[in-house]
PDB file of N, CA and C in Angstrom:
ATOM      1  N   UNK A   1     -58.850 -20.454  -4.306  1.00  0.00           N
ATOM      2  CA  UNK A   1     -57.648 -19.694  -4.086  1.00  0.00           C
ATOM      3  C   UNK A   1     -57.784 -18.331  -4.735  1.00  0.00           C
ATOM      4  N   UNK A   2     -57.298 -17.368  -4.019  1.00  0.00           N
ATOM      5  CA  UNK A   2     -57.422 -15.989  -4.452  1.00  0.00           C
ATOM      6  C   UNK A   2     -56.286 -15.621  -5.397  1.00  0.00           C
ATOM      7  N   UNK A   3     -56.647 -14.938  -6.480  1.00  0.00           N
ATOM      8  CA  UNK A   3     -55.634 -14.392  -7.374  1.00  0.00           C
ATOM      9  C   UNK A   3     -55.269 -13.002  -6.854  1.00  0.00           C
ATOM     10  N   UNK A   4     -53.974 -12.748  -6.730  1.00  0.00           N
ATOM     11  CA  UNK A   4     -53.537 -11.465  -6.188  1.00  0.00           C
ATOM     12  C   UNK A   4     -52.691 -10.730  -7.223  1.00  0.00           C
ATOM     13  N   UNK A   5     -52.495  -9.428  -6.960  1.00  0.00           N
ATOM     14  CA  UNK A   5     -51.708  -8.586  -7.851  1.00  0.00           C
ATOM     15  C   UNK A   5     -50.524  -8.008  -7.098  1.00  0.00           C
ATOM     16  N   UNK A   6     -49.644  -7.398  -7.851  1.00  0.00           N
ATOM     17  CA  UNK A   6     -48.402  -6.872  -7.296  1.00  0.00           C
ATOM     18  C   UNK A   6     -48.646  -5.921  -6.125  1.00  0.00           C
ATOM     19  N   UNK A   7     -49.665  -5.069  -6.221  1.00  0.00           N
ATOM     20  CA  UNK A   7     -49.909  -4.069  -5.173  1.00  0.00           C
ATOM     21  C   UNK A   7     -50.236  -4.709  -3.820  1.00  0.00           C
ATOM     22  N   UNK A   8     -50.738  -5.930  -3.819  1.00  0.00           N
ATOM     23  CA  UNK A   8     -51.119  -6.615  -2.581  1.00  0.00           C
ATOM     24  C   UNK A   8     -50.084  -7.639  -2.117  1.00  0.00           C
ATOM     25  N   UNK A   9     -49.088  -7.909  -2.936  1.00  0.00           N
ATOM     26  CA  UNK A   9     -48.180  -9.027  -2.718  1.00  0.00           C
ATOM     27  C   UNK A   9     -47.461  -8.957  -1.372  1.00  0.00           C
ATOM     28  N   UNK A  10     -46.830  -7.842  -1.070  1.00  0.00           N
ATOM     29  CA  UNK A  10     -46.042  -7.723   0.168  1.00  0.00           C
ATOM     30  C   UNK A  10     -46.930  -7.892   1.392  1.00  0.00           C
ATOM     31  N   UNK A  11     -48.083  -7.251   1.387  1.00  0.00           N
ATOM     32  CA  UNK A  11     -48.983  -7.334   2.545  1.00  0.00           C
ATOM     33  C   UNK A  11     -49.474  -8.756   2.774  1.00  0.00           C
ATOM     34  N   UNK A  12     -49.730  -9.490   1.700  1.00  0.00           N
ATOM     35  CA  UNK A  12     -50.287 -10.839   1.838  1.00  0.00           C
ATOM     36  C   UNK A  12     -49.237 -11.908   2.118  1.00  0.00           C
ATOM     37  N   UNK A  13     -47.969 -11.599   1.903  1.00  0.00           N
ATOM     38  CA  UNK A  13     -46.921 -12.598   2.143  1.00  0.00           C
ATOM     39  C   UNK A  13     -46.086 -12.295   3.382  1.00  0.00           C
ATOM     40  N   UNK A  14     -46.382 -11.205   4.076  1.00  0.00           N
ATOM     41  CA  UNK A  14     -45.492 -10.784   5.170  1.00  0.00           C
ATOM     42  C   UNK A  14     -45.609 -11.598   6.452  1.00  0.00           C
ATOM     43  N   UNK A  15     -46.690 -12.349   6.632  1.00  0.00           N
ATOM     44  CA  UNK A  15     -46.856 -13.128   7.857  1.00  0.00           C
ATOM     45  C   UNK A  15     -47.229 -14.569   7.548  1.00  0.00           C
ATOM     46  N   UNK A  16     -46.619 -15.489   8.283  1.00  0.00           N
ATOM     47  CA  UNK A  16     -46.962 -16.894   8.168  1.00  0.00           C
ATOM     48  C   UNK A  16     -46.344 -17.553   6.952  1.00  0.00           C
ATOM     49  N   UNK A  17     -46.863 -18.743   6.640  1.00  0.00           N
ATOM     50  CA  UNK A  17     -46.387 -19.517   5.496  1.00  0.00           C
ATOM     51  C   UNK A  17     -47.356 -19.282   4.344  1.00  0.00           C
ATOM     52  N   UNK A  18     -46.792 -18.887   3.202  1.00  0.00           N
ATOM     53  CA  UNK A  18     -47.596 -18.563   2.025  1.00  0.00           C
ATOM     54  C   UNK A  18     -47.027 -19.303   0.818  1.00  0.00           C
ATOM     55  N   UNK A  19     -47.904 -19.933   0.066  1.00  0.00           N
ATOM     56  CA  UNK A  19     -47.532 -20.591  -1.187  1.00  0.00           C
ATOM     57  C   UNK A  19     -48.085 -19.745  -2.327  1.00  0.00           C
ATOM     58  N   UNK A  20     -47.195 -19.313  -3.220  1.00  0.00           N
ATOM     59  CA  UNK A  20     -47.591 -18.506  -4.369  1.00  0.00           C
ATOM     60  C   UNK A  20     -47.434 -19.347  -5.631  1.00  0.00           C
ATOM     61  N   UNK A  21     -48.493 -19.385  -6.431  1.00  0.00           N
ATOM     62  CA  UNK A  21     -48.482 -20.080  -7.714  1.00  0.00           C
ATOM     63  C   UNK A  21     -48.409 -19.025  -8.812  1.00  0.00           C
ATOM     64  N   UNK A  22     -47.249 -18.909  -9.466  1.00  0.00           N
ATOM     65  CA  UNK A  22     -47.102 -18.032 -10.622  1.00  0.00           C
ATOM     66  C   UNK A  22     -47.578 -18.830 -11.830  1.00  0.00           C
ATOM     67  N   UNK A  23     -48.607 -18.326 -12.530  1.00  0.00           N
ATOM     68  CA  UNK A  23     -49.273 -19.096 -13.580  1.00  0.00           C
ATOM     69  C   UNK A  23     -49.709 -18.178 -14.720  1.00  0.00           C
ATOM     70  N   UNK A  24     -50.262 -18.787 -15.765  1.00  0.00           N
ATOM     71  CA  UNK A  24     -50.945 -18.059 -16.835  1.00  0.00           C
ATOM     72  C   UNK A  24     -52.181 -18.861 -17.224  1.00  0.00           C
ATOM     73  N   UNK A  25     -53.207 -18.167 -17.644  1.00  0.00           N
ATOM     74  CA  UNK A  25     -54.474 -18.831 -17.961  1.00  0.00           C
ATOM     75  C   UNK A  25     -54.358 -19.758 -19.162  1.00  0.00           C
ATOM     76  N   UNK A  26     -53.430 -19.491 -20.074  1.00  0.00           N
ATOM     77  CA  UNK A  26     -53.276 -20.285 -21.297  1.00  0.00           C
ATOM     78  C   UNK A  26     -52.388 -21.517 -21.099  1.00  0.00           C
ATOM     79  N   UNK A  27     -51.818 -21.684 -19.921  1.00  0.00           N
ATOM     80  CA  UNK A  27     -50.820 -22.727 -19.647  1.00  0.00           C
ATOM     81  C   UNK A  27     -51.496 -24.006 -19.140  1.00  0.00           C
ATOM     82  N   UNK A  28     -51.402 -25.095 -19.937  1.00  0.00           N
ATOM     83  CA  UNK A  28     -52.032 -26.366 -19.546  1.00  0.00           C
ATOM     84  C   UNK A  28     -51.452 -26.933 -18.247  1.00  0.00           C
ATOM     85  N   UNK A  29     -50.121 -26.981 -18.056  1.00  0.00           N
ATOM     86  CA  UNK A  29     -49.601 -27.472 -16.779  1.00  0.00           C
ATOM     87  C   UNK A  29     -50.054 -26.610 -15.594  1.00  0.00           C
ATOM     88  N   UNK A  30     -50.281 -25.323 -15.838  1.00  0.00           N
ATOM     89  CA  UNK A  30     -50.774 -24.441 -14.764  1.00  0.00           C
ATOM     90  C   UNK A  30     -52.184 -24.840 -14.347  1.00  0.00           C
ATOM     91  N   UNK A  31     -53.001 -25.211 -15.308  1.00  0.00           N
ATOM     92  CA  UNK A  31     -54.365 -25.663 -14.976  1.00  0.00           C
ATOM     93  C   UNK A  31     -54.306 -26.956 -14.168  1.00  0.00           C
ATOM     94  N   UNK A  32     -53.390 -27.849 -14.526  1.00  0.00           N
ATOM     95  CA  UNK A  32     -53.205 -29.085 -13.766  1.00  0.00           C
ATOM     96  C   UNK A  32     -52.765 -28.751 -12.337  1.00  0.00           C
ATOM     97  N   UNK A  33     -51.853 -27.805 -12.211  1.00  0.00           N
ATOM     98  CA  UNK A  33     -51.360 -27.393 -10.892  1.00  0.00           C
ATOM     99  C   UNK A  33     -52.487 -26.778 -10.079  1.00  0.00           C
ATOM    100  N   UNK A  34     -53.400 -26.092 -10.741  1.00  0.00           N
ATOM    101  CA  UNK A  34     -54.550 -25.509 -10.039  1.00  0.00           C
ATOM    102  C   UNK A  34     -55.372 -26.560  -9.319  1.00  0.00           C
ATOM    103  N   UNK A  35     -55.569 -27.716  -9.957  1.00  0.00           N
ATOM    104  CA  UNK A  35     -56.318 -28.801  -9.326  1.00  0.00           C
ATOM    105  C   UNK A  35     -55.551 -29.358  -8.126  1.00  0.00           C
ATOM    106  N   UNK A  36     -54.234 -29.466  -8.258  1.00  0.00           N
ATOM    107  CA  UNK A  36     -53.406 -29.951  -7.157  1.00  0.00           C
ATOM    108  C   UNK A  36     -53.461 -28.969  -5.987  1.00  0.00           C
ATOM    109  N   UNK A  37     -53.434 -27.677  -6.300  1.00  0.00           N
ATOM    110  CA  UNK A  37     -53.495 -26.659  -5.243  1.00  0.00           C
ATOM    111  C   UNK A  37     -54.807 -26.724  -4.474  1.00  0.00           C
ATOM    112  N   UNK A  38     -55.882 -27.067  -5.154  1.00  0.00           N
ATOM    113  CA  UNK A  38     -57.161 -27.233  -4.457  1.00  0.00           C
ATOM    114  C   UNK A  38     -57.055 -28.345  -3.419  1.00  0.00           C
ATOM    115  N   UNK A  39     -56.393 -29.430  -3.773  1.00  0.00           N
ATOM    116  CA  UNK A  39     -56.182 -30.524  -2.823  1.00  0.00           C
ATOM    117  C   UNK A  39     -55.304 -30.105  -1.661  1.00  0.00           C
ATOM    118  N   UNK A  40     -54.265 -29.342  -1.942  1.00  0.00           N
ATOM    119  CA  UNK A  40     -53.383 -28.836  -0.889  1.00  0.00           C
ATOM    120  C   UNK A  40     -54.160 -27.917   0.041  1.00  0.00           C
ATOM    121  N   UNK A  41     -55.002 -27.079  -0.544  1.00  0.00           N
ATOM    122  CA  UNK A  41     -55.811 -26.166   0.259  1.00  0.00           C
ATOM    123  C   UNK A  41     -56.755 -26.934   1.182  1.00  0.00           C
ATOM    124  N   UNK A  42     -57.339 -28.003   0.681  1.00  0.00           N
ATOM    125  CA  UNK A  42     -58.222 -28.829   1.517  1.00  0.00           C
ATOM    126  C   UNK A  42     -57.440 -29.505   2.638  1.00  0.00           C
ATOM    127  N   UNK A  43     -56.211 -29.918   2.340  1.00  0.00           N
ATOM    128  CA  UNK A  43     -55.409 -30.665   3.308  1.00  0.00           C
ATOM    129  C   UNK A  43     -54.811 -29.770   4.393  1.00  0.00           C
ATOM    130  N   UNK A  44     -54.209 -28.640   4.018  1.00  0.00           N
ATOM    131  CA  UNK A  44     -53.532 -27.796   5.022  1.00  0.00           C
ATOM    132  C   UNK A  44     -53.826 -26.305   4.854  1.00  0.00           C
ATOM    133  N   UNK A  45     -54.918 -25.984   4.175  1.00  0.00           N
ATOM    134  CA  UNK A  45     -55.279 -24.585   3.935  1.00  0.00           C
ATOM    135  C   UNK A  45     -55.546 -23.780   5.193  1.00  0.00           C
ATOM    136  N   UNK A  46     -55.777 -24.475   6.315  1.00  0.00           N
ATOM    137  CA  UNK A  46     -55.979 -23.759   7.576  1.00  0.00           C
ATOM    138  C   UNK A  46     -54.645 -23.285   8.167  1.00  0.00           C
ATOM    139  N   UNK A  47     -53.518 -23.798   7.658  1.00  0.00           N
ATOM    140  CA  UNK A  47     -52.197 -23.445   8.191  1.00  0.00           C
ATOM    141  C   UNK A  47     -51.345 -22.652   7.198  1.00  0.00           C
ATOM    142  N   UNK A  48     -51.692 -22.749   5.921  1.00  0.00           N
ATOM    143  CA  UNK A  48     -50.909 -22.136   4.852  1.00  0.00           C
ATOM    144  C   UNK A  48     -51.839 -21.319   3.964  1.00  0.00           C
ATOM    145  N   UNK A  49     -51.431 -20.093   3.643  1.00  0.00           N
ATOM    146  CA  UNK A  49     -52.198 -19.288   2.693  1.00  0.00           C
ATOM    147  C   UNK A  49     -51.692 -19.620   1.298  1.00  0.00           C
ATOM    148  N   UNK A  50     -52.618 -19.779   0.358  1.00  0.00           N
ATOM    149  CA  UNK A  50     -52.269 -20.088  -1.023  1.00  0.00           C
ATOM    150  C   UNK A  50     -52.862 -19.011  -1.922  1.00  0.00           C
ATOM    151  N   UNK A  51     -51.992 -18.402  -2.724  1.00  0.00           N
ATOM    152  CA  UNK A  51     -52.413 -17.360  -3.660  1.00  0.00           C
ATOM    153  C   UNK A  51     -51.878 -17.670  -5.042  1.00  0.00           C
ATOM    154  N   UNK A  52     -52.558 -17.114  -6.048  1.00  0.00           N
ATOM    155  CA  UNK A  52     -52.146 -17.268  -7.434  1.00  0.00           C
ATOM    156  C   UNK A  52     -51.775 -15.892  -7.988  1.00  0.00           C
ATOM    157  N   UNK A  53     -50.717 -15.847  -8.815  1.00  0.00           N
ATOM    158  CA  UNK A  53     -50.290 -14.614  -9.468  1.00  0.00           C
ATOM    159  C   UNK A  53     -50.218 -14.882 -10.969  1.00  0.00           C
ATOM    160  N   UNK A  54     -51.040 -14.174 -11.744  1.00  0.00           N
ATOM    161  CA  UNK A  54     -51.036 -14.297 -13.197  1.00  0.00           C
ATOM    162  C   UNK A  54     -49.836 -13.520 -13.735  1.00  0.00           C
ATOM    163  N   UNK A  55     -48.881 -14.229 -14.339  1.00  0.00           N
ATOM    164  CA  UNK A  55     -47.649 -13.586 -14.803  1.00  0.00           C
ATOM    165  C   UNK A  55     -47.906 -12.616 -15.956  1.00  0.00           C
ATOM    166  N   UNK A  56     -48.971 -12.825 -16.723  1.00  0.00           N
ATOM    167  CA  UNK A  56     -49.285 -11.911 -17.815  1.00  0.00           C
ATOM    168  C   UNK A  56     -49.799 -10.565 -17.299  1.00  0.00           C
ATOM    169  N   UNK A  57     -50.452 -10.569 -16.160  1.00  0.00           N
ATOM    170  CA  UNK A  57     -50.978  -9.337 -15.564  1.00  0.00           C
ATOM    171  C   UNK A  57     -49.987  -8.688 -14.600  1.00  0.00           C
ATOM    172  N   UNK A  58     -48.986  -9.434 -14.164  1.00  0.00           N
ATOM    173  CA  UNK A  58     -48.043  -8.960 -13.137  1.00  0.00           C
ATOM    174  C   UNK A  58     -46.603  -9.242 -13.569  1.00  0.00           C
ATOM    175  N   UNK A  59     -46.235  -8.716 -14.736  1.00  0.00           N
ATOM    176  CA  UNK A  59     -44.923  -8.999 -15.306  1.00  0.00           C
ATOM    177  C   UNK A  59     -43.777  -8.534 -14.415  1.00  0.00           C
ATOM    178  N   UNK A  60     -43.905  -7.369 -13.807  1.00  0.00           N
ATOM    179  CA  UNK A  60     -42.820  -6.852 -12.952  1.00  0.00           C
ATOM    180  C   UNK A  60     -42.614  -7.741 -11.734  1.00  0.00           C
ATOM    181  N   UNK A  61     -43.679  -8.222 -11.163  1.00  0.00           N
ATOM    182  CA  UNK A  61     -43.577  -9.113 -10.012  1.00  0.00           C
ATOM    183  C   UNK A  61     -42.905 -10.426 -10.420  1.00  0.00           C
ATOM    184  N   UNK A  62     -43.292 -10.957 -11.563  1.00  0.00           N
ATOM    185  CA  UNK A  62     -42.669 -12.187 -12.062  1.00  0.00           C
ATOM    186  C   UNK A  62     -41.172 -11.967 -12.299  1.00  0.00           C
ATOM    187  N   UNK A  63     -40.810 -10.830 -12.855  1.00  0.00           N
ATOM    188  CA  UNK A  63     -39.383 -10.523 -13.073  1.00  0.00           C
ATOM    189  C   UNK A  63     -38.639 -10.398 -11.757  1.00  0.00           C
ATOM    190  N   UNK A  64     -39.267  -9.767 -10.777  1.00  0.00           N
ATOM    191  CA  UNK A  64     -38.639  -9.576  -9.470  1.00  0.00           C
ATOM    192  C   UNK A  64     -38.205 -10.913  -8.882  1.00  0.00           C
ATOM    193  N   UNK A  65     -39.014 -11.946  -9.064  1.00  0.00           N
ATOM    194  CA  UNK A  65     -38.721 -13.262  -8.493  1.00  0.00           C
ATOM    195  C   UNK A  65     -38.102 -14.232  -9.507  1.00  0.00           C
ATOM    196  N   UNK A  66     -37.693 -13.720 -10.646  1.00  0.00           N
ATOM    197  CA  UNK A  66     -36.985 -14.543 -11.622  1.00  0.00           C
ATOM    198  C   UNK A  66     -37.808 -15.666 -12.209  1.00  0.00           C
ATOM    199  N   UNK A  67     -39.087 -15.413 -12.426  1.00  0.00           N
ATOM    200  CA  UNK A  67     -39.963 -16.443 -12.982  1.00  0.00           C
ATOM    201  C   UNK A  67     -39.710 -16.529 -14.488  1.00  0.00           C
ATOM    202  N   UNK A  68     -39.134 -17.637 -14.916  1.00  0.00           N
ATOM    203  CA  UNK A  68     -38.794 -17.841 -16.322  1.00  0.00           C
ATOM    204  C   UNK A  68     -39.686 -18.900 -16.976  1.00  0.00           C
ATOM    205  N   UNK A  69     -40.246 -19.788 -16.179  1.00  0.00           N
ATOM    206  CA  UNK A  69     -41.125 -20.852 -16.655  1.00  0.00           C
ATOM    207  C   UNK A  69     -42.308 -20.948 -15.705  1.00  0.00           C
ATOM    208  N   UNK A  70     -43.425 -21.415 -16.244  1.00  0.00           N
ATOM    209  CA  UNK A  70     -44.610 -21.586 -15.409  1.00  0.00           C
ATOM    210  C   UNK A  70     -45.151 -22.993 -15.605  1.00  0.00           C
ATOM    211  N   UNK A  71     -45.807 -23.539 -14.601  1.00  0.00           N
ATOM    212  CA  UNK A  71     -46.009 -22.942 -13.279  1.00  0.00           C
ATOM    213  C   UNK A  71     -44.718 -22.932 -12.460  1.00  0.00           C
ATOM    214  N   UNK A  72     -44.576 -21.873 -11.678  1.00  0.00           N
ATOM    215  CA  UNK A  72     -43.526 -21.799 -10.671  1.00  0.00           C
ATOM    216  C   UNK A  72     -44.212 -21.539  -9.346  1.00  0.00           C
ATOM    217  N   UNK A  73     -43.859 -22.336  -8.345  1.00  0.00           N
ATOM    218  CA  UNK A  73     -44.424 -22.160  -7.011  1.00  0.00           C
ATOM    219  C   UNK A  73     -43.330 -21.711  -6.070  1.00  0.00           C
ATOM    220  N   UNK A  74     -43.652 -20.733  -5.241  1.00  0.00           N
ATOM    221  CA  UNK A  74     -42.695 -20.232  -4.261  1.00  0.00           C
ATOM    222  C   UNK A  74     -43.312 -20.278  -2.877  1.00  0.00           C
ATOM    223  N   UNK A  75     -42.490 -20.658  -1.921  1.00  0.00           N
ATOM    224  CA  UNK A  75     -42.913 -20.670  -0.521  1.00  0.00           C
ATOM    225  C   UNK A  75     -42.272 -19.475   0.165  1.00  0.00           C
ATOM    226  N   UNK A  76     -43.108 -18.708   0.861  1.00  0.00           N
ATOM    227  CA  UNK A  76     -42.656 -17.572   1.654  1.00  0.00           C
ATOM    228  C   UNK A  76     -42.945 -17.844   3.118  1.00  0.00           C
ATOM    229  N   UNK A  77     -42.031 -17.457   3.977  1.00  0.00           N
ATOM    230  CA  UNK A  77     -42.235 -17.553   5.430  1.00  0.00           C
ATOM    231  C   UNK A  77     -41.956 -16.168   5.998  1.00  0.00           C
ATOM    232  N   UNK A  78     -42.977 -15.554   6.559  1.00  0.00           N
ATOM    233  CA  UNK A  78     -42.874 -14.210   7.142  1.00  0.00           C
ATOM    234  C   UNK A  78     -42.215 -13.227   6.180  1.00  0.00           C
ATOM    235  N   UNK A  79     -42.652 -13.271   4.911  1.00  0.00           N
ATOM    236  CA  UNK A  79     -42.206 -12.315   3.910  1.00  0.00           C
ATOM    237  C   UNK A  79     -40.915 -12.650   3.194  1.00  0.00           C
ATOM    238  N   UNK A  80     -40.266 -13.749   3.569  1.00  0.00           N
ATOM    239  CA  UNK A  80     -38.984 -14.125   2.966  1.00  0.00           C
ATOM    240  C   UNK A  80     -39.192 -15.344   2.071  1.00  0.00           C
ATOM    241  N   UNK A  81     -38.716 -15.250   0.826  1.00  0.00           N
ATOM    242  CA  UNK A  81     -38.798 -16.387  -0.098  1.00  0.00           C
ATOM    243  C   UNK A  81     -37.877 -17.491   0.397  1.00  0.00           C
ATOM    244  N   UNK A  82     -38.433 -18.681   0.597  1.00  0.00           N
ATOM    245  CA  UNK A  82     -37.674 -19.804   1.133  1.00  0.00           C
ATOM    246  C   UNK A  82     -37.355 -20.858   0.079  1.00  0.00           C
ATOM    247  N   UNK A  83     -38.331 -21.180  -0.775  1.00  0.00           N
ATOM    248  CA  UNK A  83     -38.114 -22.226  -1.774  1.00  0.00           C
ATOM    249  C   UNK A  83     -38.866 -21.874  -3.050  1.00  0.00           C
ATOM    250  N   UNK A  84     -38.319 -22.391  -4.170  1.00  0.00           N
ATOM    251  CA  UNK A  84     -38.932 -22.199  -5.484  1.00  0.00           C
ATOM    252  C   UNK A  84     -38.963 -23.554  -6.186  1.00  0.00           C
ATOM    253  N   UNK A  85     -40.111 -23.856  -6.777  1.00  0.00           N
ATOM    254  CA  UNK A  85     -40.262 -25.113  -7.513  1.00  0.00           C
ATOM    255  C   UNK A  85     -40.847 -24.789  -8.888  1.00  0.00           C
ATOM    256  N   UNK A  86     -40.169 -25.223  -9.949  1.00  0.00           N
ATOM    257  CA  UNK A  86     -40.630 -24.983 -11.309  1.00  0.00           C
ATOM    258  C   UNK A  86     -41.276 -26.250 -11.851  1.00  0.00           C
ATOM    259  N   UNK A  87     -42.462 -26.100 -12.423  1.00  0.00           N
ATOM    260  CA  UNK A  87     -43.184 -27.230 -12.991  1.00  0.00           C
ATOM    261  C   UNK A  87     -44.260 -27.727 -12.048  1.00  0.00           C
ATOM    262  N   UNK A  88     -44.969 -28.735 -12.499  1.00  0.00           N
ATOM    263  CA  UNK A  88     -46.044 -29.324 -11.678  1.00  0.00           C
ATOM    264  C   UNK A  88     -45.420 -29.984 -10.464  1.00  0.00           C
ATOM    265  N   UNK A  89     -46.003 -29.711  -9.303  1.00  0.00           N
ATOM    266  CA  UNK A  89     -45.499 -30.217  -8.026  1.00  0.00           C
ATOM    267  C   UNK A  89     -46.569 -31.108  -7.433  1.00  0.00           C
ATOM    268  N   UNK A  90     -46.284 -32.374  -7.272  1.00  0.00           N
ATOM    269  CA  UNK A  90     -47.268 -33.303  -6.734  1.00  0.00           C
ATOM    270  C   UNK A  90     -47.685 -32.903  -5.316  1.00  0.00           C
ATOM    271  N   UNK A  91     -48.938 -33.140  -5.004  1.00  0.00           N
ATOM    272  CA  UNK A  91     -49.518 -32.688  -3.748  1.00  0.00           C
ATOM    273  C   UNK A  91     -48.742 -33.170  -2.530  1.00  0.00           C
ATOM    274  N   UNK A  92     -48.428 -34.450  -2.467  1.00  0.00           N
ATOM    275  CA  UNK A  92     -47.764 -34.976  -1.264  1.00  0.00           C
ATOM    276  C   UNK A  92     -46.387 -34.350  -1.073  1.00  0.00           C
ATOM    277  N   UNK A  93     -45.644 -34.130  -2.157  1.00  0.00           N
ATOM    278  CA  UNK A  93     -44.318 -33.514  -2.054  1.00  0.00           C
ATOM    279  C   UNK A  93     -44.420 -32.058  -1.615  1.00  0.00           C
ATOM    280  N   UNK A  94     -45.379 -31.354  -2.177  1.00  0.00           N
ATOM    281  CA  UNK A  94     -45.582 -29.948  -1.821  1.00  0.00           C
ATOM    282  C   UNK A  94     -45.985 -29.808  -0.354  1.00  0.00           C
ATOM    283  N   UNK A  95     -46.912 -30.631   0.090  1.00  0.00           N
ATOM    284  CA  UNK A  95     -47.379 -30.578   1.485  1.00  0.00           C
ATOM    285  C   UNK A  95     -46.226 -30.865   2.439  1.00  0.00           C
ATOM    286  N   UNK A  96     -45.423 -31.871   2.145  1.00  0.00           N
ATOM    287  CA  UNK A  96     -44.284 -32.198   3.013  1.00  0.00           C
ATOM    288  C   UNK A  96     -43.298 -31.033   3.087  1.00  0.00           C
ATOM    289  N   UNK A  97     -43.057 -30.381   1.967  1.00  0.00           N
ATOM    290  CA  UNK A  97     -42.154 -29.232   1.954  1.00  0.00           C
ATOM    291  C   UNK A  97     -42.744 -28.081   2.762  1.00  0.00           C
ATOM    292  N   UNK A  98     -44.024 -27.815   2.592  1.00  0.00           N
ATOM    293  CA  UNK A  98     -44.674 -26.729   3.333  1.00  0.00           C
ATOM    294  C   UNK A  98     -44.624 -26.983   4.838  1.00  0.00           C
ATOM    295  N   UNK A  99     -44.783 -28.229   5.245  1.00  0.00           N
ATOM    296  CA  UNK A  99     -44.792 -28.560   6.674  1.00  0.00           C
ATOM    297  C   UNK A  99     -43.475 -28.207   7.358  1.00  0.00           C
ATOM    298  N   UNK A 100     -42.390 -28.164   6.608  1.00  0.00           N
ATOM    299  CA  UNK A 100     -41.088 -27.770   7.196  1.00  0.00           C
ATOM    300  C   UNK A 100     -41.112 -26.341   7.725  1.00  0.00           C
ATOM    301  N   UNK A 101     -42.015 -25.522   7.199  1.00  0.00           N
ATOM    302  CA  UNK A 101     -42.051 -24.101   7.569  1.00  0.00           C
ATOM    303  C   UNK A 101     -43.157 -23.756   8.557  1.00  0.00           C
ATOM    304  N   UNK A 102     -43.955 -24.735   8.946  1.00  0.00           N
ATOM    305  CA  UNK A 102     -45.048 -24.466   9.888  1.00  0.00           C
ATOM    306  C   UNK A 102     -44.555 -24.429  11.332  1.00  0.00           C
TER     307      UNK A 102
END
């Protein structure tokens, strides 16, 4: 999964279904979520784009979306934020939620 920055955010989320993982490198639950995201990418990565945003490097972007705890995952559909999930999100639950937007 590609780590993106604020300057690329709008362009990369404007089309299709996109899952954004707001994380930090020092966060243990974020590392756990990273492994889950790899499984999600293997399962439906051909239909959903998955990107990671480091909140320490992109503080303004995190503030824009009200990220108060990490990991926080957000689903975007054609540039519009549709859902937000705070904490570790199990693969099957995340995939089922993403499928609603495909």
